[in-house]
Protein backbone atom coordinates (compact mmCIF):
# COMPACT_ATOMS: atom_id res chain seq x y z
CA UNK A 1 0.07 21.88 25.51
CA UNK A 2 3.33 20.83 25.90
CA UNK A 3 3.98 17.34 26.04
CA UNK A 4 6.84 16.19 28.00
CA UNK A 5 10.54 14.77 25.95
CA UNK A 6 9.76 11.29 27.16
CA UNK A 7 6.37 11.59 26.63
CA UNK A 8 7.42 12.82 22.49
CA UNK A 9 9.13 9.91 22.44
CA UNK A 10 6.98 7.43 23.91
CA UNK A 11 4.36 8.57 20.72
CA UNK A 12 6.94 8.94 18.11
CA UNK A 13 8.08 4.92 19.24
CA UNK A 14 4.30 3.85 19.40
CA UNK A 15 4.09 5.12 16.06
CA UNK A 16 6.87 3.50 14.14
CA UNK A 17 5.29 0.72 16.43
CA UNK A 18 2.27 0.73 15.58
CA UNK A 19 3.81 0.81 11.90
CA UNK A 20 5.86 -2.57 11.17
CA UNK A 21 3.22 -4.00 13.99
CA UNK A 22 0.60 -3.54 10.82
CA UNK A 23 2.24 -3.47 7.78
CA UNK A 24 3.35 -7.22 8.78
CA UNK A 25 -0.57 -7.58 9.72
CA UNK A 26 -1.21 -6.24 6.16
CA UNK A 27 0.80 -8.60 4.63
CA UNK A 28 -0.27 -11.52 6.13
CA UNK A 29 -3.54 -10.61 5.32
CA UNK A 30 -3.40 -10.84 2.08
CA UNK A 31 -1.57 -13.98 1.98
CA UNK A 32 -3.98 -15.88 4.02
CA UNK A 33 -6.48 -18.28 2.87
CA UNK A 34 -9.76 -16.82 4.46
CA UNK A 35 -9.49 -13.48 3.29
CA UNK A 36 -10.25 -14.33 -0.37
CA UNK A 37 -13.46 -16.45 -1.61
CA UNK A 38 -12.75 -19.25 -4.04
CA UNK A 39 -14.26 -16.40 -6.98
CA UNK A 40 -11.29 -14.29 -5.58
CA UNK A 41 -13.49 -12.42 -3.55
CA UNK A 42 -12.82 -11.06 -0.89
CA UNK A 43 -14.97 -12.06 2.23
CA UNK A 44 -16.36 -10.06 4.98
CA UNK A 45 -13.32 -11.34 7.46
CA UNK A 46 -10.44 -9.26 3.98
CA UNK A 47 -13.00 -6.57 4.80
CA UNK A 48 -12.84 -5.98 9.15
CA UNK A 49 -9.42 -7.09 9.23
CA UNK A 50 -8.39 -4.44 6.48
CA UNK A 51 -11.13 -1.43 8.29
CA UNK A 52 -9.26 -2.79 11.67
CA UNK A 53 -6.04 -2.09 9.53
CA UNK A 54 -5.88 1.19 7.77
CA UNK A 55 -8.14 2.64 10.70
CA UNK A 56 -4.44 1.85 12.96
CA UNK A 57 -2.92 3.19 10.17
CA UNK A 58 -4.28 6.23 10.28
CA UNK A 59 -4.24 6.60 14.67
CA UNK A 60 -0.51 5.27 14.63
CA UNK A 61 0.27 8.34 12.30
CA UNK A 62 -1.52 10.56 13.77
CA UNK A 63 0.28 9.44 17.40
CA UNK A 64 3.64 9.21 16.11
CA UNK A 65 3.08 13.20 14.12
CA UNK A 66 2.32 14.08 18.00
CA UNK A 67 5.53 12.59 19.05
CA UNK A 68 7.53 14.59 16.14
CA UNK A 69 5.64 17.85 17.01
CA UNK A 70 7.17 17.59 20.35
CA UNK A 71 10.96 16.77 19.91
CA UNK A 72 10.58 19.60 17.51
CA UNK A 73 10.09 21.49 19.94
CA UNK A 74 11.42 20.36 22.60
CA UNK A 75 14.99 21.34 20.23
CA UNK A 76 13.59 24.40 18.70
CA UNK A 77 13.22 25.52 22.71
CA UNK A 78 16.84 24.12 23.58
CA UNK A 79 18.40 25.58 20.12
CA UNK A 80 16.73 29.28 21.35
CA UNK A 81 17.84 29.05 25.03
């Protein structure tokens, strides 16, 4: 399957953007008063949002890798032409 250069750039940019956004979210989650119970244990709010963050990191990474591979394929194609 071939991915166009424009789509590859978009996918890579989305992967990077996703990491930037979710790192910020993870920091804010860790510092949130709603994330920790008075005894110091994690609340349901923290657990659900931590899972959401991890899944988003994984999906952002996968999408970014697809974009990177697409750009590399286009670069190799240009180099061999």
